[in-house]
PDB file of N, CA and C in Angstrom:
ATOM      1  N   MET A   1       0.812  -1.185  -0.076  1.00  0.00           N
ATOM      2  CA  MET A   1       0.108  -0.088   0.035  1.00  0.00           C
ATOM      3  C   MET A   1       0.882   1.011  -0.086  1.00  0.00           C
ATOM      4  N   SER A   2       0.802   2.158  -0.958  1.00  0.00           N
ATOM      5  CA  SER A   2       1.238   3.464  -0.865  1.00  0.00           C
ATOM      6  C   SER A   2       0.285   4.492  -0.242  1.00  0.00           C
ATOM      7  N   THR A   3       1.044   5.583   0.145  1.00  0.00           N
ATOM      8  CA  THR A   3       0.444   6.665   0.841  1.00  0.00           C
ATOM      9  C   THR A   3       0.621   8.274   0.079  1.00  0.00           C
ATOM     10  N   ILE A   4      -0.465   8.815   0.096  1.00  0.00           N
ATOM     11  CA  ILE A   4      -0.251  10.285  -0.177  1.00  0.00           C
ATOM     12  C   ILE A   4      -0.658  11.095   0.842  1.00  0.00           C
ATOM     13  N   GLY A   5       0.284  12.302   1.224  1.00  0.00           N
ATOM     14  CA  GLY A   5       0.004  13.009   2.081  1.00  0.00           C
ATOM     15  C   GLY A   5      -0.714  14.417   1.228  1.00  0.00           C
ATOM     16  N   PHE A   6      -1.622  14.674   2.479  1.00  0.00           N
ATOM     17  CA  PHE A   6      -2.339  16.166   1.749  1.00  0.00           C
ATOM     18  C   PHE A   6      -2.598  16.973   2.987  1.00  0.00           C
ATOM     19  N   LEU A   7      -1.927  18.173   2.816  1.00  0.00           N
ATOM     20  CA  LEU A   7      -1.927  19.313   3.684  1.00  0.00           C
ATOM     21  C   LEU A   7      -2.995  20.080   3.477  1.00  0.00           C
ATOM     22  N   THR A   8      -4.094  19.997   4.227  1.00  0.00           N
ATOM     23  CA  THR A   8      -5.337  20.798   3.948  1.00  0.00           C
ATOM     24  C   THR A   8      -6.428  20.684   5.106  1.00  0.00           C
ATOM     25  N   SER A   9      -7.366  21.852   5.109  1.00  0.00           N
ATOM     26  CA  SER A   9      -8.182  21.646   6.052  1.00  0.00           C
ATOM     27  C   SER A   9      -9.771  21.579   5.516  1.00  0.00           C
ATOM     28  N   ASP A  10      -9.723  21.519   4.249  1.00  0.00           N
ATOM     29  CA  ASP A  10     -11.054  21.568   3.361  1.00  0.00           C
ATOM     30  C   ASP A  10     -11.629  20.208   3.351  1.00  0.00           C
ATOM     31  N   LEU A  11     -12.654  19.732   4.180  1.00  0.00           N
ATOM     32  CA  LEU A  11     -13.075  18.504   4.162  1.00  0.00           C
ATOM     33  C   LEU A  11     -13.987  18.191   2.844  1.00  0.00           C
ATOM     34  N   MET A  12     -14.481  19.174   2.107  1.00  0.00           N
ATOM     35  CA  MET A  12     -15.137  18.934   0.936  1.00  0.00           C
ATOM     36  C   MET A  12     -14.166  18.219  -0.095  1.00  0.00           C
ATOM     37  N   PHE A  13     -13.313  19.285  -0.245  1.00  0.00           N
ATOM     38  CA  PHE A  13     -12.130  18.736  -1.139  1.00  0.00           C
ATOM     39  C   PHE A  13     -11.476  17.538  -1.125  1.00  0.00           C
ATOM     40  N   HIS A  14     -11.113  17.133   0.310  1.00  0.00           N
ATOM     41  CA  HIS A  14     -10.597  16.195   0.903  1.00  0.00           C
ATOM     42  C   HIS A  14     -11.510  14.587   0.626  1.00  0.00           C
ATOM     43  N   SER A  15     -12.808  14.864   0.295  1.00  0.00           N
ATOM     44  CA  SER A  15     -13.508  13.971  -0.302  1.00  0.00           C
ATOM     45  C   SER A  15     -13.224  13.334  -1.732  1.00  0.00           C
ATOM     46  N   ARG A  16     -13.042  14.688  -2.431  1.00  0.00           N
ATOM     47  CA  ARG A  16     -12.893  14.538  -3.796  1.00  0.00           C
ATOM     48  C   ARG A  16     -11.749  13.823  -4.024  1.00  0.00           C
ATOM     49  N   VAL A  17     -10.499  14.191  -3.445  1.00  0.00           N
ATOM     50  CA  VAL A  17      -9.254  13.474  -3.580  1.00  0.00           C
ATOM     51  C   VAL A  17      -9.652  12.008  -3.075  1.00  0.00           C
ATOM     52  N   SER A  18     -10.143  11.674  -2.222  1.00  0.00           N
ATOM     53  CA  SER A  18     -10.423  10.414  -1.733  1.00  0.00           C
ATOM     54  C   SER A  18     -11.005   9.503  -2.697  1.00  0.00           C
ATOM     55  N   GLN A  19     -12.094  10.169  -3.437  1.00  0.00           N
ATOM     56  CA  GLN A  19     -12.621   9.604  -4.708  1.00  0.00           C
ATOM     57  C   GLN A  19     -11.481   9.375  -5.696  1.00  0.00           C
ATOM     58  N   SER A  20     -10.966   9.951  -5.895  1.00  0.00           N
ATOM     59  CA  SER A  20      -9.772   9.929  -6.723  1.00  0.00           C
ATOM     60  C   SER A  20      -9.090   8.823  -6.880  1.00  0.00           C
ATOM     61  N   LEU A  21      -8.638   8.278  -5.243  1.00  0.00           N
ATOM     62  CA  LEU A  21      -7.880   7.345  -5.074  1.00  0.00           C
ATOM     63  C   LEU A  21      -8.592   6.028  -5.351  1.00  0.00           C
ATOM     64  N   ASN A  22      -9.814   6.284  -4.987  1.00  0.00           N
ATOM     65  CA  ASN A  22     -10.685   5.117  -5.169  1.00  0.00           C
ATOM     66  C   ASN A  22     -10.822   4.765  -6.615  1.00  0.00           C
ATOM     67  N   ASP A  23     -10.976   5.642  -7.362  1.00  0.00           N
ATOM     68  CA  ASP A  23     -10.992   5.415  -8.838  1.00  0.00           C
ATOM     69  C   ASP A  23      -9.874   4.842  -9.537  1.00  0.00           C
ATOM     70  N   LEU A  24      -8.578   5.036  -8.717  1.00  0.00           N
ATOM     71  CA  LEU A  24      -7.438   4.403  -9.039  1.00  0.00           C
ATOM     72  C   LEU A  24      -7.174   3.128  -8.561  1.00  0.00           C
ATOM     73  N   LYS A  25      -7.980   2.475  -7.720  1.00  0.00           N
ATOM     74  CA  LYS A  25      -8.062   1.175  -7.289  1.00  0.00           C
ATOM     75  C   LYS A  25      -8.309   0.164  -8.310  1.00  0.00           C
ATOM     76  N   SER A  26      -8.538   0.545  -9.533  1.00  0.00           N
ATOM     77  CA  SER A  26      -8.816  -0.503 -10.423  1.00  0.00           C
ATOM     78  C   SER A  26      -7.567  -0.878 -11.167  1.00  0.00           C
ATOM     79  N   SER A  27      -6.830  -0.022 -11.013  1.00  0.00           N
ATOM     80  CA  SER A  27      -5.330  -0.387 -11.506  1.00  0.00           C
ATOM     81  C   SER A  27      -4.494  -1.526 -10.661  1.00  0.00           C
ATOM     82  N   GLY A  28      -4.893  -1.740  -9.326  1.00  0.00           N
ATOM     83  CA  GLY A  28      -4.633  -2.779  -8.798  1.00  0.00           C
ATOM     84  C   GLY A  28      -3.455  -2.491  -7.682  1.00  0.00           C
ATOM     85  N   LYS A  29      -3.519  -1.081  -7.596  1.00  0.00           N
ATOM     86  CA  LYS A  29      -2.664  -0.580  -6.653  1.00  0.00           C
ATOM     87  C   LYS A  29      -3.333   0.259  -5.702  1.00  0.00           C
ATOM     88  N   GLU A  30      -3.221  -0.119  -4.383  1.00  0.00           N
ATOM     89  CA  GLU A  30      -3.949   0.640  -3.219  1.00  0.00           C
ATOM     90  C   GLU A  30      -3.091   1.902  -2.710  1.00  0.00           C
ATOM     91  N   LEU A  31      -3.769   2.636  -2.654  1.00  0.00           N
ATOM     92  CA  LEU A  31      -3.398   4.453  -2.405  1.00  0.00           C
ATOM     93  C   LEU A  31      -4.287   4.490  -1.067  1.00  0.00           C
ATOM     94  N   THR A  32      -3.429   5.055  -0.144  1.00  0.00           N
ATOM     95  CA  THR A  32      -4.076   5.607   1.123  1.00  0.00           C
ATOM     96  C   THR A  32      -3.780   7.006   1.397  1.00  0.00           C
ATOM     97  N   LEU A  33      -4.763   7.855   1.919  1.00  0.00           N
ATOM     98  CA  LEU A  33      -4.683   9.175   2.009  1.00  0.00           C
ATOM     99  C   LEU A  33      -4.235   9.618   3.437  1.00  0.00           C
ATOM    100  N   SER A  34      -3.266  10.598   3.910  1.00  0.00           N
ATOM    101  CA  SER A  34      -3.116  10.930   4.983  1.00  0.00           C
ATOM    102  C   SER A  34      -3.080  12.188   5.191  1.00  0.00           C
ATOM    103  N   VAL A  35      -3.920  12.914   5.825  1.00  0.00           N
ATOM    104  CA  VAL A  35      -4.552  14.089   5.661  1.00  0.00           C
ATOM    105  C   VAL A  35      -4.318  14.941   7.174  1.00  0.00           C
ATOM    106  N   ASN A  36      -3.816  16.194   6.814  1.00  0.00           N
ATOM    107  CA  ASN A  36      -3.622  16.980   8.321  1.00  0.00           C
ATOM    108  C   ASN A  36      -3.502  18.461   7.828  1.00  0.00           C
ATOM    109  N   ARG A  37      -3.973  19.234   8.674  1.00  0.00           N
ATOM    110  CA  ARG A  37      -3.755  20.988   8.428  1.00  0.00           C
ATOM    111  C   ARG A  37      -2.534  21.258   8.963  1.00  0.00           C
ATOM    112  N   SER A  38      -1.766  20.602   9.607  1.00  0.00           N
ATOM    113  CA  SER A  38      -0.503  21.044  10.220  1.00  0.00           C
ATOM    114  C   SER A  38       0.754  20.148   9.745  1.00  0.00           C
ATOM    115  N   VAL A  39       1.620  20.943   8.961  1.00  0.00           N
ATOM    116  CA  VAL A  39       2.844  20.114   8.380  1.00  0.00           C
ATOM    117  C   VAL A  39       3.615  19.641   9.198  1.00  0.00           C
ATOM    118  N   GLU A  40       3.559  19.778  10.426  1.00  0.00           N
ATOM    119  CA  GLU A  40       4.257  18.962  11.491  1.00  0.00           C
ATOM    120  C   GLU A  40       3.631  17.823  11.607  1.00  0.00           C
ATOM    121  N   LYS A  41       2.413  17.695  11.837  1.00  0.00           N
ATOM    122  CA  LYS A  41       1.669  16.721  12.200  1.00  0.00           C
ATOM    123  C   LYS A  41       1.477  15.747  10.530  1.00  0.00           C
ATOM    124  N   LEU A  42       1.454  16.331   9.797  1.00  0.00           N
ATOM    125  CA  LEU A  42       1.454  15.487   8.553  1.00  0.00           C
ATOM    126  C   LEU A  42       2.630  14.695   8.473  1.00  0.00           C
ATOM    127  N   ILE A  43       3.881  15.441   8.679  1.00  0.00           N
ATOM    128  CA  ILE A  43       5.196  14.567   8.527  1.00  0.00           C
ATOM    129  C   ILE A  43       5.389  13.556   9.479  1.00  0.00           C
ATOM    130  N   GLU A  44       4.960  13.828  10.660  1.00  0.00           N
ATOM    131  CA  GLU A  44       4.691  12.738  11.751  1.00  0.00           C
ATOM    132  C   GLU A  44       4.210  11.541  11.131  1.00  0.00           C
ATOM    133  N   LYS A  45       2.918  11.736  10.678  1.00  0.00           N
ATOM    134  CA  LYS A  45       2.087  10.796   9.958  1.00  0.00           C
ATOM    135  C   LYS A  45       2.737  10.124   8.720  1.00  0.00           C
ATOM    136  N   LEU A  46       3.595  10.754   7.796  1.00  0.00           N
ATOM    137  CA  LEU A  46       4.231  10.259   6.693  1.00  0.00           C
ATOM    138  C   LEU A  46       5.457   9.697   7.170  1.00  0.00           C
ATOM    139  N   LEU A  47       6.187   9.756   8.190  1.00  0.00           N
ATOM    140  CA  LEU A  47       7.231   9.050   8.577  1.00  0.00           C
ATOM    141  C   LEU A  47       7.006   7.456   8.819  1.00  0.00           C
ATOM    142  N   VAL A  48       5.987   7.407   9.212  1.00  0.00           N
ATOM    143  CA  VAL A  48       5.626   6.018   9.717  1.00  0.00           C
ATOM    144  C   VAL A  48       4.578   5.512   8.641  1.00  0.00           C
ATOM    145  N   ALA A  49       4.341   6.079   7.683  1.00  0.00           N
ATOM    146  CA  ALA A  49       3.813   5.413   6.532  1.00  0.00           C
ATOM    147  C   ALA A  49       4.242   4.743   5.777  1.00  0.00           C
ATOM    148  N   SER A  50       3.899   3.601   4.960  1.00  0.00           N
ATOM    149  CA  SER A  50       4.519   2.848   3.973  1.00  0.00           C
ATOM    150  C   SER A  50       4.618   3.729   2.789  1.00  0.00           C
ATOM    151  N   ASP A  51       5.688   3.585   2.151  1.00  0.00           N
ATOM    152  CA  ASP A  51       5.755   3.964   0.611  1.00  0.00           C
ATOM    153  C   ASP A  51       5.071   5.163   0.183  1.00  0.00           C
ATOM    154  N   VAL A  52       5.543   6.269   0.756  1.00  0.00           N
ATOM    155  CA  VAL A  52       4.868   7.802   0.499  1.00  0.00           C
ATOM    156  C   VAL A  52       5.181   8.217  -1.123  1.00  0.00           C
ATOM    157  N   LYS A  53       4.404   8.268  -1.780  1.00  0.00           N
ATOM    158  CA  LYS A  53       4.388   8.567  -3.167  1.00  0.00           C
ATOM    159  C   LYS A  53       4.403  10.228  -3.492  1.00  0.00           C
ATOM    160  N   LEU A  54       3.569  10.879  -2.637  1.00  0.00           N
ATOM    161  CA  LEU A  54       3.266  12.066  -3.251  1.00  0.00           C
ATOM    162  C   LEU A  54       2.833  13.066  -1.899  1.00  0.00           C
ATOM    163  N   ILE A  55       2.959  14.279  -2.119  1.00  0.00           N
ATOM    164  CA  ILE A  55       2.600  14.998  -0.698  1.00  0.00           C
ATOM    165  C   ILE A  55       1.567  16.231  -1.665  1.00  0.00           C
ATOM    166  N   ILE A  56       0.518  16.532  -1.511  1.00  0.00           N
ATOM    167  CA  ILE A  56      -0.257  17.492  -2.036  1.00  0.00           C
ATOM    168  C   ILE A  56      -0.519  18.586  -1.201  1.00  0.00           C
ATOM    169  N   VAL A  57      -0.432  20.094  -1.296  1.00  0.00           N
ATOM    170  CA  VAL A  57      -0.495  21.125  -0.437  1.00  0.00           C
ATOM    171  C   VAL A  57      -1.540  22.261  -1.096  1.00  0.00           C
ATOM    172  N   ASP A  58      -2.852  22.121  -0.286  1.00  0.00           N
ATOM    173  CA  ASP A  58      -3.521  23.005  -0.527  1.00  0.00           C
ATOM    174  C   ASP A  58      -3.159  24.665  -0.110  1.00  0.00           C
ATOM    175  N   LEU A  59      -3.054  25.429  -1.058  1.00  0.00           N
ATOM    176  CA  LEU A  59      -2.398  26.609  -0.893  1.00  0.00           C
ATOM    177  C   LEU A  59      -3.516  27.499   0.072  1.00  0.00           C
ATOM    178  N   SER A  60      -4.589  27.342   0.186  1.00  0.00           N
ATOM    179  CA  SER A  60      -5.434  28.260   0.795  1.00  0.00           C
ATOM    180  C   SER A  60      -5.686  27.917   2.179  1.00  0.00           C
ATOM    181  N   LEU A  61      -4.815  27.145   2.855  1.00  0.00           N
ATOM    182  CA  LEU A  61      -4.518  27.057   4.296  1.00  0.00           C
ATOM    183  C   LEU A  61      -4.163  28.519   4.833  1.00  0.00           C
ATOM    184  N   ARG A  62      -4.745  28.760   5.885  1.00  0.00           N
ATOM    185  CA  ARG A  62      -4.217  29.972   6.351  1.00  0.00           C
ATOM    186  C   ARG A  62      -2.897  29.788   7.266  1.00  0.00           C
ATOM    187  N   GLU A  63      -2.374  31.310   6.958  1.00  0.00           N
ATOM    188  CA  GLU A  63      -0.921  31.409   7.662  1.00  0.00           C
ATOM    189  C   GLU A  63      -0.037  30.179   7.073  1.00  0.00           C
ATOM    190  N   LEU A  64      -0.058  30.013   5.743  1.00  0.00           N
ATOM    191  CA  LEU A  64       0.774  29.136   4.956  1.00  0.00           C
ATOM    192  C   LEU A  64       1.800  29.735   4.684  1.00  0.00           C
ATOM    193  N   ASN A  65       3.004  29.379   4.971  1.00  0.00           N
ATOM    194  CA  ASN A  65       4.371  29.759   4.345  1.00  0.00           C
ATOM    195  C   ASN A  65       4.973  28.646   3.579  1.00  0.00           C
ATOM    196  N   MET A  66       4.745  28.865   2.114  1.00  0.00           N
ATOM    197  CA  MET A  66       5.202  27.843   1.429  1.00  0.00           C
ATOM    198  C   MET A  66       6.775  27.533   1.300  1.00  0.00           C
ATOM    199  N   GLU A  67       7.473  28.490   1.598  1.00  0.00           N
ATOM    200  CA  GLU A  67       8.859  28.248   2.040  1.00  0.00           C
ATOM    201  C   GLU A  67       9.225  27.494   3.051  1.00  0.00           C
ATOM    202  N   ASP A  68       8.744  27.746   3.900  1.00  0.00           N
ATOM    203  CA  ASP A  68       8.969  26.783   5.263  1.00  0.00           C
ATOM    204  C   ASP A  68       8.281  25.529   5.153  1.00  0.00           C
ATOM    205  N   VAL A  69       7.045  25.312   4.581  1.00  0.00           N
ATOM    206  CA  VAL A  69       6.477  24.087   4.429  1.00  0.00           C
ATOM    207  C   VAL A  69       7.159  23.084   3.581  1.00  0.00           C
ATOM    208  N   THR A  70       7.860  23.773   2.315  1.00  0.00           N
ATOM    209  CA  THR A  70       8.604  22.992   1.479  1.00  0.00           C
ATOM    210  C   THR A  70       9.936  22.452   2.239  1.00  0.00           C
ATOM    211  N   LYS A  71      10.642  23.277   2.889  1.00  0.00           N
ATOM    212  CA  LYS A  71      11.622  22.956   3.542  1.00  0.00           C
ATOM    213  C   LYS A  71      11.600  21.746   4.601  1.00  0.00           C
ATOM    214  N   SER A  72      10.468  21.973   5.366  1.00  0.00           N
ATOM    215  CA  SER A  72      10.153  20.752   6.353  1.00  0.00           C
ATOM    216  C   SER A  72       9.794  19.542   5.651  1.00  0.00           C
ATOM    217  N   LEU A  73       9.176  19.652   4.395  1.00  0.00           N
ATOM    218  CA  LEU A  73       8.567  18.246   3.793  1.00  0.00           C
ATOM    219  C   LEU A  73      10.211  17.778   3.229  1.00  0.00           C
ATOM    220  N   ARG A  74      11.051  18.628   2.426  1.00  0.00           N
ATOM    221  CA  ARG A  74      12.214  18.146   1.746  1.00  0.00           C
ATOM    222  C   ARG A  74      13.064  17.636   2.899  1.00  0.00           C
ATOM    223  N   ASP A  75      13.123  18.214   4.265  1.00  0.00           N
ATOM    224  CA  ASP A  75      14.129  17.775   5.075  1.00  0.00           C
ATOM    225  C   ASP A  75      13.775  16.408   5.510  1.00  0.00           C
ATOM    226  N   SER A  76      12.349  16.116   5.844  1.00  0.00           N
ATOM    227  CA  SER A  76      12.006  14.896   6.339  1.00  0.00           C
ATOM    228  C   SER A  76      11.932  13.869   5.038  1.00  0.00           C
ATOM    229  N   LEU A  77      11.254  14.134   4.262  1.00  0.00           N
ATOM    230  CA  LEU A  77      11.060  13.064   3.083  1.00  0.00           C
ATOM    231  C   LEU A  77      11.404  13.790   1.842  1.00  0.00           C
ATOM    232  N   PRO A  78      12.839  13.880   1.689  1.00  0.00           N
ATOM    233  CA  PRO A  78      13.475  14.379   0.688  1.00  0.00           C
ATOM    234  C   PRO A  78      13.087  13.854  -0.741  1.00  0.00           C
ATOM    235  N   SER A  79      12.748  12.631  -1.117  1.00  0.00           N
ATOM    236  CA  SER A  79      12.567  12.011  -2.513  1.00  0.00           C
ATOM    237  C   SER A  79      11.021  12.219  -2.794  1.00  0.00           C
ATOM    238  N   VAL A  80      10.246  12.538  -1.956  1.00  0.00           N
ATOM    239  CA  VAL A  80       8.819  12.426  -2.191  1.00  0.00           C
ATOM    240  C   VAL A  80       8.432  13.768  -3.090  1.00  0.00           C
ATOM    241  N   PRO A  81       7.899  13.765  -4.102  1.00  0.00           N
ATOM    242  CA  PRO A  81       7.223  14.892  -4.823  1.00  0.00           C
ATOM    243  C   PRO A  81       6.358  15.674  -4.206  1.00  0.00           C
ATOM    244  N   ILE A  82       6.406  16.800  -4.224  1.00  0.00           N
ATOM    245  CA  ILE A  82       5.208  17.879  -3.887  1.00  0.00           C
ATOM    246  C   ILE A  82       4.853  18.686  -4.861  1.00  0.00           C
ATOM    247  N   ILE A  83       3.235  18.656  -4.717  1.00  0.00           N
ATOM    248  CA  ILE A  83       2.295  19.501  -5.864  1.00  0.00           C
ATOM    249  C   ILE A  83       1.695  20.179  -4.878  1.00  0.00           C
ATOM    250  N   ALA A  84       1.206  21.584  -5.535  1.00  0.00           N
ATOM    251  CA  ALA A  84       0.465  22.316  -4.641  1.00  0.00           C
ATOM    252  C   ALA A  84      -0.603  22.973  -5.696  1.00  0.00           C
ATOM    253  N   TYR A  85      -1.807  23.437  -5.172  1.00  0.00           N
ATOM    254  CA  TYR A  85      -2.868  23.958  -5.881  1.00  0.00           C
ATOM    255  C   TYR A  85      -3.452  24.951  -4.813  1.00  0.00           C
ATOM    256  N   GLY A  86      -3.901  26.185  -5.529  1.00  0.00           N
ATOM    257  CA  GLY A  86      -4.891  27.070  -4.857  1.00  0.00           C
ATOM    258  C   GLY A  86      -5.662  27.934  -5.897  1.00  0.00           C
ATOM    259  N   PRO A  87      -6.247  28.842  -5.446  1.00  0.00           N
ATOM    260  CA  PRO A  87      -7.499  29.777  -6.045  1.00  0.00           C
ATOM    261  C   PRO A  87      -6.660  30.233  -7.253  1.00  0.00           C
ATOM    262  N   HIS A  88      -7.471  30.303  -8.742  1.00  0.00           N
ATOM    263  CA  HIS A  88      -6.692  30.941  -9.815  1.00  0.00           C
ATOM    264  C   HIS A  88      -6.512  32.501  -9.545  1.00  0.00           C
ATOM    265  N   VAL A  89      -7.270  33.268  -8.502  1.00  0.00           N
ATOM    266  CA  VAL A  89      -7.138  34.646  -8.387  1.00  0.00           C
ATOM    267  C   VAL A  89      -5.899  35.005  -7.481  1.00  0.00           C
ATOM    268  N   ALA A  90      -5.181  33.773  -6.988  1.00  0.00           N
ATOM    269  CA  ALA A  90      -4.350  34.243  -5.931  1.00  0.00           C
ATOM    270  C   ALA A  90      -2.787  34.044  -6.554  1.00  0.00           C
ATOM    271  N   GLY A  91      -2.600  34.739  -7.658  1.00  0.00           N
ATOM    272  CA  GLY A  91      -1.426  34.480  -8.506  1.00  0.00           C
ATOM    273  C   GLY A  91      -0.165  34.534  -7.686  1.00  0.00           C
ATOM    274  N   ALA A  92       0.087  35.267  -6.450  1.00  0.00           N
ATOM    275  CA  ALA A  92       1.171  35.569  -5.745  1.00  0.00           C
ATOM    276  C   ALA A  92       1.237  34.112  -4.701  1.00  0.00           C
ATOM    277  N   LEU A  93       0.114  33.834  -4.319  1.00  0.00           N
ATOM    278  CA  LEU A  93       0.289  32.400  -3.599  1.00  0.00           C
ATOM    279  C   LEU A  93       0.633  31.246  -4.477  1.00  0.00           C
ATOM    280  N   LEU A  94       0.235  31.282  -5.749  1.00  0.00           N
ATOM    281  CA  LEU A  94       0.821  30.214  -6.598  1.00  0.00           C
ATOM    282  C   LEU A  94       2.276  30.451  -6.980  1.00  0.00           C
ATOM    283  N   GLN A  95       2.520  31.758  -7.076  1.00  0.00           N
ATOM    284  CA  GLN A  95       4.000  31.826  -7.644  1.00  0.00           C
ATOM    285  C   GLN A  95       4.578  31.640  -6.343  1.00  0.00           C
ATOM    286  N   SER A  96       4.438  31.762  -5.287  1.00  0.00           N
ATOM    287  CA  SER A  96       5.204  31.288  -4.072  1.00  0.00           C
ATOM    288  C   SER A  96       5.385  29.922  -4.091  1.00  0.00           C
ATOM    289  N   ALA A  97       4.303  28.961  -4.408  1.00  0.00           N
ATOM    290  CA  ALA A  97       4.500  27.532  -4.323  1.00  0.00           C
ATOM    291  C   ALA A  97       5.611  27.109  -5.168  1.00  0.00           C
ATOM    292  N   ALA A  98       5.575  27.690  -6.384  1.00  0.00           N
ATOM    293  CA  ALA A  98       6.890  27.528  -7.585  1.00  0.00           C
ATOM    294  C   ALA A  98       7.938  27.911  -7.148  1.00  0.00           C
ATOM    295  N   ASP A  99       8.171  29.203  -6.453  1.00  0.00           N
ATOM    296  CA  ASP A  99       9.450  29.808  -6.062  1.00  0.00           C
ATOM    297  C   ASP A  99      10.300  28.795  -5.033  1.00  0.00           C
ATOM    298  N   ALA A 100       9.098  28.052  -4.080  1.00  0.00           N
ATOM    299  CA  ALA A 100       9.709  27.228  -3.208  1.00  0.00           C
ATOM    300  C   ALA A 100      10.380  25.978  -3.724  1.00  0.00           C
ATOM    301  N   GLY A 101       9.840  25.987  -4.811  1.00  0.00           N
ATOM    302  CA  GLY A 101      10.704  24.610  -5.408  1.00  0.00           C
ATOM    303  C   GLY A 101       9.787  23.214  -5.633  1.00  0.00           C
ATOM    304  N   VAL A 102       8.340  23.384  -5.437  1.00  0.00           N
ATOM    305  CA  VAL A 102       7.432  22.293  -5.528  1.00  0.00           C
ATOM    306  C   VAL A 102       7.429  21.605  -7.076  1.00  0.00           C
ATOM    307  N   GLU A 103       7.254  20.440  -7.223  1.00  0.00           N
ATOM    308  CA  GLU A 103       7.332  19.936  -8.686  1.00  0.00           C
ATOM    309  C   GLU A 103       6.293  20.720  -9.561  1.00  0.00           C
ATOM    310  N   SER A 104       5.139  20.886  -8.956  1.00  0.00           N
ATOM    311  CA  SER A 104       4.093  21.439 -10.034  1.00  0.00           C
ATOM    312  C   SER A 104       3.233  21.983  -9.085  1.00  0.00           C
ATOM    313  N   VAL A 105       2.627  23.168  -9.830  1.00  0.00           N
ATOM    314  CA  VAL A 105       1.577  24.104  -9.287  1.00  0.00           C
ATOM    315  C   VAL A 105       0.485  24.162 -10.171  1.00  0.00           C
ATOM    316  N   TYR A 106      -0.868  24.028  -9.546  1.00  0.00           N
ATOM    317  CA  TYR A 106      -2.094  23.988 -10.511  1.00  0.00           C
ATOM    318  C   TYR A 106      -2.724  24.928  -9.631  1.00  0.00           C
ATOM    319  N   THR A 107      -4.153  25.537 -10.552  1.00  0.00           N
ATOM    320  CA  THR A 107      -4.954  26.307 -10.030  1.00  0.00           C
ATOM    321  C   THR A 107      -5.987  25.372  -9.615  1.00  0.00           C
ATOM    322  N   ARG A 108      -6.718  25.563  -8.619  1.00  0.00           N
ATOM    323  CA  ARG A 108      -7.816  24.450  -7.908  1.00  0.00           C
ATOM    324  C   ARG A 108      -8.460  24.041  -9.242  1.00  0.00           C
ATOM    325  N   GLY A 109      -8.844  24.407  -9.888  1.00  0.00           N
ATOM    326  CA  GLY A 109      -9.830  24.270 -11.088  1.00  0.00           C
ATOM    327  C   GLY A 109      -9.081  23.226 -11.839  1.00  0.00           C
ATOM    328  N   GLN A 110      -7.586  23.521 -12.117  1.00  0.00           N
ATOM    329  CA  GLN A 110      -6.923  22.799 -13.085  1.00  0.00           C
ATOM    330  C   GLN A 110      -6.836  21.361 -12.337  1.00  0.00           C
ATOM    331  N   PHE A 111      -6.491  21.322 -11.118  1.00  0.00           N
ATOM    332  CA  PHE A 111      -6.086  20.050 -10.312  1.00  0.00           C
ATOM    333  C   PHE A 111      -7.204  19.352  -9.990  1.00  0.00           C
ATOM    334  N   ASP A 112      -8.297  19.961  -9.865  1.00  0.00           N
ATOM    335  CA  ASP A 112      -9.974  19.371  -9.587  1.00  0.00           C
ATOM    336  C   ASP A 112     -10.342  18.522 -11.107  1.00  0.00           C
ATOM    337  N   HIS A 113     -10.190  19.178 -11.924  1.00  0.00           N
ATOM    338  CA  HIS A 113     -10.330  18.592 -13.423  1.00  0.00           C
ATOM    339  C   HIS A 113      -9.435  17.469 -13.833  1.00  0.00           C
ATOM    340  N   ARG A 114      -8.161  17.410 -13.398  1.00  0.00           N
ATOM    341  CA  ARG A 114      -7.317  16.794 -13.683  1.00  0.00           C
ATOM    342  C   ARG A 114      -6.688  15.816 -12.409  1.00  0.00           C
ATOM    343  N   MET A 115      -7.418  15.785 -11.358  1.00  0.00           N
ATOM    344  CA  MET A 115      -6.926  15.175 -10.171  1.00  0.00           C
ATOM    345  C   MET A 115      -6.264  13.739 -10.325  1.00  0.00           C
ATOM    346  N   THR A 116      -7.134  12.705 -10.828  1.00  0.00           N
ATOM    347  CA  THR A 116      -6.910  11.427 -10.980  1.00  0.00           C
ATOM    348  C   THR A 116      -5.850  11.136 -11.909  1.00  0.00           C
ATOM    349  N   GLU A 117      -5.537  11.876 -13.103  1.00  0.00           N
ATOM    350  CA  GLU A 117      -4.961  11.848 -14.059  1.00  0.00           C
ATOM    351  C   GLU A 117      -3.317  12.306 -13.209  1.00  0.00           C
ATOM    352  N   ILE A 118      -3.430  13.246 -12.706  1.00  0.00           N
ATOM    353  CA  ILE A 118      -1.959  13.932 -11.953  1.00  0.00           C
ATOM    354  C   ILE A 118      -1.635  13.069 -10.897  1.00  0.00           C
ATOM    355  N   ILE A 119      -2.566  12.612 -10.054  1.00  0.00           N
ATOM    356  CA  ILE A 119      -2.101  11.463  -8.693  1.00  0.00           C
ATOM    357  C   ILE A 119      -1.628  10.071  -9.474  1.00  0.00           C
ATOM    358  N   ALA A 120      -2.073   9.690 -10.762  1.00  0.00           N
ATOM    359  CA  ALA A 120      -1.736   8.490 -11.227  1.00  0.00           C
ATOM    360  C   ALA A 120      -0.351   8.847 -11.816  1.00  0.00           C
ATOM    361  N   GLU A 121      -0.040   9.894 -12.270  1.00  0.00           N
ATOM    362  CA  GLU A 121       1.404  10.351 -13.061  1.00  0.00           C
ATOM    363  C   GLU A 121       2.328  10.331 -11.729  1.00  0.00           C
ATOM    364  N   TYR A 122       2.106  10.739 -10.685  1.00  0.00           N
ATOM    365  CA  TYR A 122       2.893  11.146  -9.862  1.00  0.00           C
ATOM    366  C   TYR A 122       3.299   9.862  -8.953  1.00  0.00           C
ATOM    367  N   THR A 123       2.197   8.680  -9.012  1.00  0.00           N
ATOM    368  CA  THR A 123       2.388   7.715  -8.170  1.00  0.00           C
ATOM    369  C   THR A 123       2.772   6.424  -9.202  1.00  0.00           C
ATOM    370  N   ASN A 124       2.895   6.592 -10.314  1.00  0.00           N
ATOM    371  CA  ASN A 124       3.101   5.596 -11.344  1.00  0.00           C
ATOM    372  C   ASN A 124       2.039   4.612 -11.402  1.00  0.00           C
ATOM    373  N   VAL A 125       0.733   5.057 -11.407  1.00  0.00           N
ATOM    374  CA  VAL A 125      -0.331   4.347 -11.542  1.00  0.00           C
ATOM    375  C   VAL A 125      -1.069   4.649 -12.791  1.00  0.00           C
ATOM    376  N   SER A 126      -1.325   3.354 -13.700  1.00  0.00           N
ATOM    377  CA  SER A 126      -2.031   3.744 -14.954  1.00  0.00           C
ATOM    378  C   SER A 126      -3.269   2.996 -15.288  1.00  0.00           C
TER     379      SER A 126
END
């Protein structure tokens, strides 16, 4: 079983990501979602998880400093890709994620529309 970390407080969108993981089960690969709104607590959960494949960051979290978040994640889980998504009207926020060095940054609409495909790409599930 592989794990995907999800830094968010949005329960509605959390359920959409969970549904995407269920959609990917037909590939024969079991993916589990580890969710938290605190990067420190998420890292704690991921360090004991099996085979972490991807970390997704919701840029609409309050008081989110992407430079600090990315550094913490890279220090603890250096080989795990990080992607981020946020509101299309928050250009500075999206740019801060790109500047922090995450692998990919999406608007929320882009991520929502292609979520299953994006997760499959990063977890090598087809």
